[in-house]
C-alpha atoms as a PDB file:
ATOM      1  CA  UNK A   1     166.663  47.884  -0.978  1.00  0.00           C
ATOM      2  CA  UNK A   2     167.253  51.598  -0.588  1.00  0.00           C
ATOM      3  CA  UNK A   3     169.958  53.539  -2.408  1.00  0.00           C
ATOM      4  CA  UNK A   4     171.676  54.242   0.937  1.00  0.00           C
ATOM      5  CA  UNK A   5     171.814  50.523   1.757  1.00  0.00           C
ATOM      6  CA  UNK A   6     173.161  49.716  -1.717  1.00  0.00           C
ATOM      7  CA  UNK A   7     175.840  52.402  -1.380  1.00  0.00           C
ATOM      8  CA  UNK A   8     176.880  50.969   1.994  1.00  0.00           C
ATOM      9  CA  UNK A   9     177.176  47.470   0.493  1.00  0.00           C
ATOM     10  CA  UNK A  10     179.101  48.879  -2.462  1.00  0.00           C
ATOM     11  CA  UNK A  11     181.601  50.587  -0.159  1.00  0.00           C
ATOM     12  CA  UNK A  12     181.979  47.423   1.932  1.00  0.00           C
ATOM     13  CA  UNK A  13     182.548  45.307  -1.172  1.00  0.00           C
ATOM     14  CA  UNK A  14     184.993  47.795  -2.692  1.00  0.00           C
ATOM     15  CA  UNK A  15     186.999  47.845   0.551  1.00  0.00           C
ATOM     16  CA  UNK A  16     187.047  44.046   0.620  1.00  0.00           C
ATOM     17  CA  UNK A  17     188.123  44.000  -3.025  1.00  0.00           C
ATOM     18  CA  UNK A  18     191.026  46.319  -2.233  1.00  0.00           C
ATOM     19  CA  UNK A  19     192.097  44.121   0.700  1.00  0.00           C
ATOM     20  CA  UNK A  20     191.974  40.949  -1.358  1.00  0.00           C
ATOM     21  CA  UNK A  21     193.734  42.566  -4.302  1.00  0.00           C
ATOM     22  CA  UNK A  22     196.842  43.041  -2.186  1.00  0.00           C
ATOM     23  CA  UNK A  23     197.547  39.281  -2.092  1.00  0.00           C
ATOM     24  CA  UNK A  24     201.252  38.556  -1.918  1.00  0.00           C
ATOM     25  CA  UNK A  25     203.078  35.743  -3.658  1.00  0.00           C
ATOM     26  CA  UNK A  26     206.316  36.325  -1.768  1.00  0.00           C
ATOM     27  CA  UNK A  27     205.663  33.380   0.531  1.00  0.00           C
ATOM     28  CA  UNK A  28     205.588  31.070  -2.496  1.00  0.00           C
ATOM     29  CA  UNK A  29     209.286  31.588  -3.231  1.00  0.00           C
ATOM     30  CA  UNK A  30     211.281  28.385  -3.203  1.00  0.00           C
ATOM     31  CA  UNK A  31     214.238  28.664  -0.888  1.00  0.00           C
ATOM     32  CA  UNK A  32     217.166  26.307  -1.158  1.00  0.00           C
ATOM     33  CA  UNK A  33     218.336  24.886   2.134  1.00  0.00           C
ATOM     34  CA  UNK A  34     220.815  22.146   2.885  1.00  0.00           C
ATOM     35  CA  UNK A  35     218.820  21.127   5.964  1.00  0.00           C
ATOM     36  CA  UNK A  36     216.038  18.596   5.325  1.00  0.00           C
ATOM     37  CA  UNK A  37     213.879  19.954   8.179  1.00  0.00           C
ATOM     38  CA  UNK A  38     214.114  23.480   6.774  1.00  0.00           C
ATOM     39  CA  UNK A  39     213.040  22.208   3.331  1.00  0.00           C
ATOM     40  CA  UNK A  40     210.056  20.416   4.888  1.00  0.00           C
ATOM     41  CA  UNK A  41     209.092  23.512   6.888  1.00  0.00           C
ATOM     42  CA  UNK A  42     209.417  25.735   3.802  1.00  0.00           C
ATOM     43  CA  UNK A  43     207.284  23.347   1.751  1.00  0.00           C
ATOM     44  CA  UNK A  44     204.630  23.317   4.461  1.00  0.00           C
ATOM     45  CA  UNK A  45     204.583  27.117   4.637  1.00  0.00           C
ATOM     46  CA  UNK A  46     204.379  27.323   0.841  1.00  0.00           C
ATOM     47  CA  UNK A  47     201.410  24.926   0.790  1.00  0.00           C
ATOM     48  CA  UNK A  48     199.662  27.007   3.443  1.00  0.00           C
ATOM     49  CA  UNK A  49     200.329  30.215   1.489  1.00  0.00           C
ATOM     50  CA  UNK A  50     199.025  28.641  -1.731  1.00  0.00           C
ATOM     51  CA  UNK A  51     195.816  27.650   0.044  1.00  0.00           C
ATOM     52  CA  UNK A  52     195.383  31.195   1.315  1.00  0.00           C
ATOM     53  CA  UNK A  53     195.978  32.669  -2.144  1.00  0.00           C
ATOM     54  CA  UNK A  54     193.481  30.269  -3.684  1.00  0.00           C
ATOM     55  CA  UNK A  55     190.847  31.069  -1.042  1.00  0.00           C
ATOM     56  CA  UNK A  56     191.430  34.805  -1.498  1.00  0.00           C
ATOM     57  CA  UNK A  57     191.166  34.492  -5.295  1.00  0.00           C
ATOM     58  CA  UNK A  58     187.800  32.748  -4.953  1.00  0.00           C
ATOM     59  CA  UNK A  59     186.569  35.405  -2.527  1.00  0.00           C
ATOM     60  CA  UNK A  60     187.815  38.206  -4.790  1.00  0.00           C
ATOM     61  CA  UNK A  61     185.859  36.689  -7.682  1.00  0.00           C
ATOM     62  CA  UNK A  62     182.736  36.538  -5.466  1.00  0.00           C
ATOM     63  CA  UNK A  63     183.189  40.178  -4.421  1.00  0.00           C
ATOM     64  CA  UNK A  64     183.608  41.313  -8.025  1.00  0.00           C
ATOM     65  CA  UNK A  65     180.475  39.399  -9.024  1.00  0.00           C
ATOM     66  CA  UNK A  66     178.554  41.090  -6.177  1.00  0.00           C
ATOM     67  CA  UNK A  67     179.704  44.502  -7.426  1.00  0.00           C
ATOM     68  CA  UNK A  68     178.535  43.485 -10.912  1.00  0.00           C
ATOM     69  CA  UNK A  69     175.134  42.573  -9.438  1.00  0.00           C
ATOM     70  CA  UNK A  70     174.923  46.011  -7.807  1.00  0.00           C
ATOM     71  CA  UNK A  71     175.604  47.637 -11.189  1.00  0.00           C
ATOM     72  CA  UNK A  72     173.053  45.355 -12.869  1.00  0.00           C
ATOM     73  CA  UNK A  73     170.409  46.060 -10.226  1.00  0.00           C
ATOM     74  CA  UNK A  74     170.148  42.426  -9.108  1.00  0.00           C
ATOM     75  CA  UNK A  75     172.086  42.675  -5.845  1.00  0.00           C
ATOM     76  CA  UNK A  76     170.210  41.109  -2.940  1.00  0.00           C
ATOM     77  CA  UNK A  77     168.158  38.798  -5.166  1.00  0.00           C
ATOM     78  CA  UNK A  78     168.812  35.063  -4.913  1.00  0.00           C
ATOM     79  CA  UNK A  79     170.194  33.573  -8.114  1.00  0.00           C
ATOM     80  CA  UNK A  80     168.383  30.308  -7.377  1.00  0.00           C
ATOM     81  CA  UNK A  81     164.827  31.169  -6.384  1.00  0.00           C
ATOM     82  CA  UNK A  82     164.840  34.897  -7.271  1.00  0.00           C
ATOM     83  CA  UNK A  83     163.537  35.825  -3.808  1.00  0.00           C
ATOM     84  CA  UNK A  84     165.137  38.629  -1.801  1.00  0.00           C
ATOM     85  CA  UNK A  85     168.158  37.592   0.252  1.00  0.00           C
ATOM     86  CA  UNK A  86     167.695  38.275   3.965  1.00  0.00           C
ATOM     87  CA  UNK A  87     169.372  41.613   4.845  1.00  0.00           C
ATOM     88  CA  UNK A  88     171.030  39.984   7.875  1.00  0.00           C
ATOM     89  CA  UNK A  89     172.673  37.443   5.552  1.00  0.00           C
ATOM     90  CA  UNK A  90     173.893  40.235   3.267  1.00  0.00           C
ATOM     91  CA  UNK A  91     175.235  42.154   6.251  1.00  0.00           C
ATOM     92  CA  UNK A  92     177.253  39.083   7.277  1.00  0.00           C
ATOM     93  CA  UNK A  93     178.195  37.929   3.750  1.00  0.00           C
ATOM     94  CA  UNK A  94     177.761  40.867   1.354  1.00  0.00           C
ATOM     95  CA  UNK A  95     179.020  38.816  -1.622  1.00  0.00           C
ATOM     96  CA  UNK A  96     176.281  36.187  -1.135  1.00  0.00           C
ATOM     97  CA  UNK A  97     174.475  35.377  -4.366  1.00  0.00           C
ATOM     98  CA  UNK A  98     171.979  32.928  -2.852  1.00  0.00           C
ATOM     99  CA  UNK A  99     169.492  32.972  -0.026  1.00  0.00           C
ATOM    100  CA  UNK A 100     170.271  30.681   2.887  1.00  0.00           C
ATOM    101  CA  UNK A 101     167.851  27.969   1.685  1.00  0.00           C
ATOM    102  CA  UNK A 102     169.331  27.792  -1.819  1.00  0.00           C
ATOM    103  CA  UNK A 103     172.889  27.959  -0.454  1.00  0.00           C
ATOM    104  CA  UNK A 104     172.198  25.061   1.919  1.00  0.00           C
ATOM    105  CA  UNK A 105     170.794  23.018  -0.983  1.00  0.00           C
ATOM    106  CA  UNK A 106     173.866  23.803  -3.106  1.00  0.00           C
ATOM    107  CA  UNK A 107     176.183  22.836  -0.232  1.00  0.00           C
ATOM    108  CA  UNK A 108     174.338  19.522   0.221  1.00  0.00           C
ATOM    109  CA  UNK A 109     174.591  18.771  -3.487  1.00  0.00           C
ATOM    110  CA  UNK A 110     178.318  19.548  -3.462  1.00  0.00           C
ATOM    111  CA  UNK A 111     178.909  17.278  -0.450  1.00  0.00           C
ATOM    112  CA  UNK A 112     176.997  14.500  -2.198  1.00  0.00           C
ATOM    113  CA  UNK A 113     179.094  14.892  -5.354  1.00  0.00           C
ATOM    114  CA  UNK A 114     182.323  14.861  -3.353  1.00  0.00           C
ATOM    115  CA  UNK A 115     181.202  11.737  -1.509  1.00  0.00           C
ATOM    116  CA  UNK A 116     180.361   9.982  -4.772  1.00  0.00           C
ATOM    117  CA  UNK A 117     183.726  11.012  -6.219  1.00  0.00           C
ATOM    118  CA  UNK A 118     185.595   9.657  -3.192  1.00  0.00           C
ATOM    119  CA  UNK A 119     183.667   6.388  -3.415  1.00  0.00           C
ATOM    120  CA  UNK A 120     184.561   6.031  -7.102  1.00  0.00           C
ATOM    121  CA  UNK A 121     188.232   6.605  -6.268  1.00  0.00           C
ATOM    122  CA  UNK A 122     188.120   3.934  -3.574  1.00  0.00           C
ATOM    123  CA  UNK A 123     186.426   1.499  -5.935  1.00  0.00           C
ATOM    124  CA  UNK A 124     189.026   2.210  -8.641  1.00  0.00           C
ATOM    125  CA  UNK A 125     191.897   1.531  -6.251  1.00  0.00           C
END
């Protein structure tokens, strides 16, 4: 990967890091309301906001790790098979740490683990 391409990815990742770093917790405030429907609506909005904050925190961690890989000189190399990650994949997902083949395998393994966990919960109940 050329220095120009790396600099472009660095700028993209730094911009994304700045966007994600502006996460707001204001929507998590607990508002007291005498109306039951308002309390339900507020709880629903709070749950949605918590999900967004959690997703953004995960993405921010991925972006920071990608910037670390740029500094370490390993950006664009799959952490699983150590092959180069397709430039089109990096253009779409600049924080990607795995090639598409290794990512698909990791996703399959995660789905399998979740399925086994759900089955064990059903059996325990």
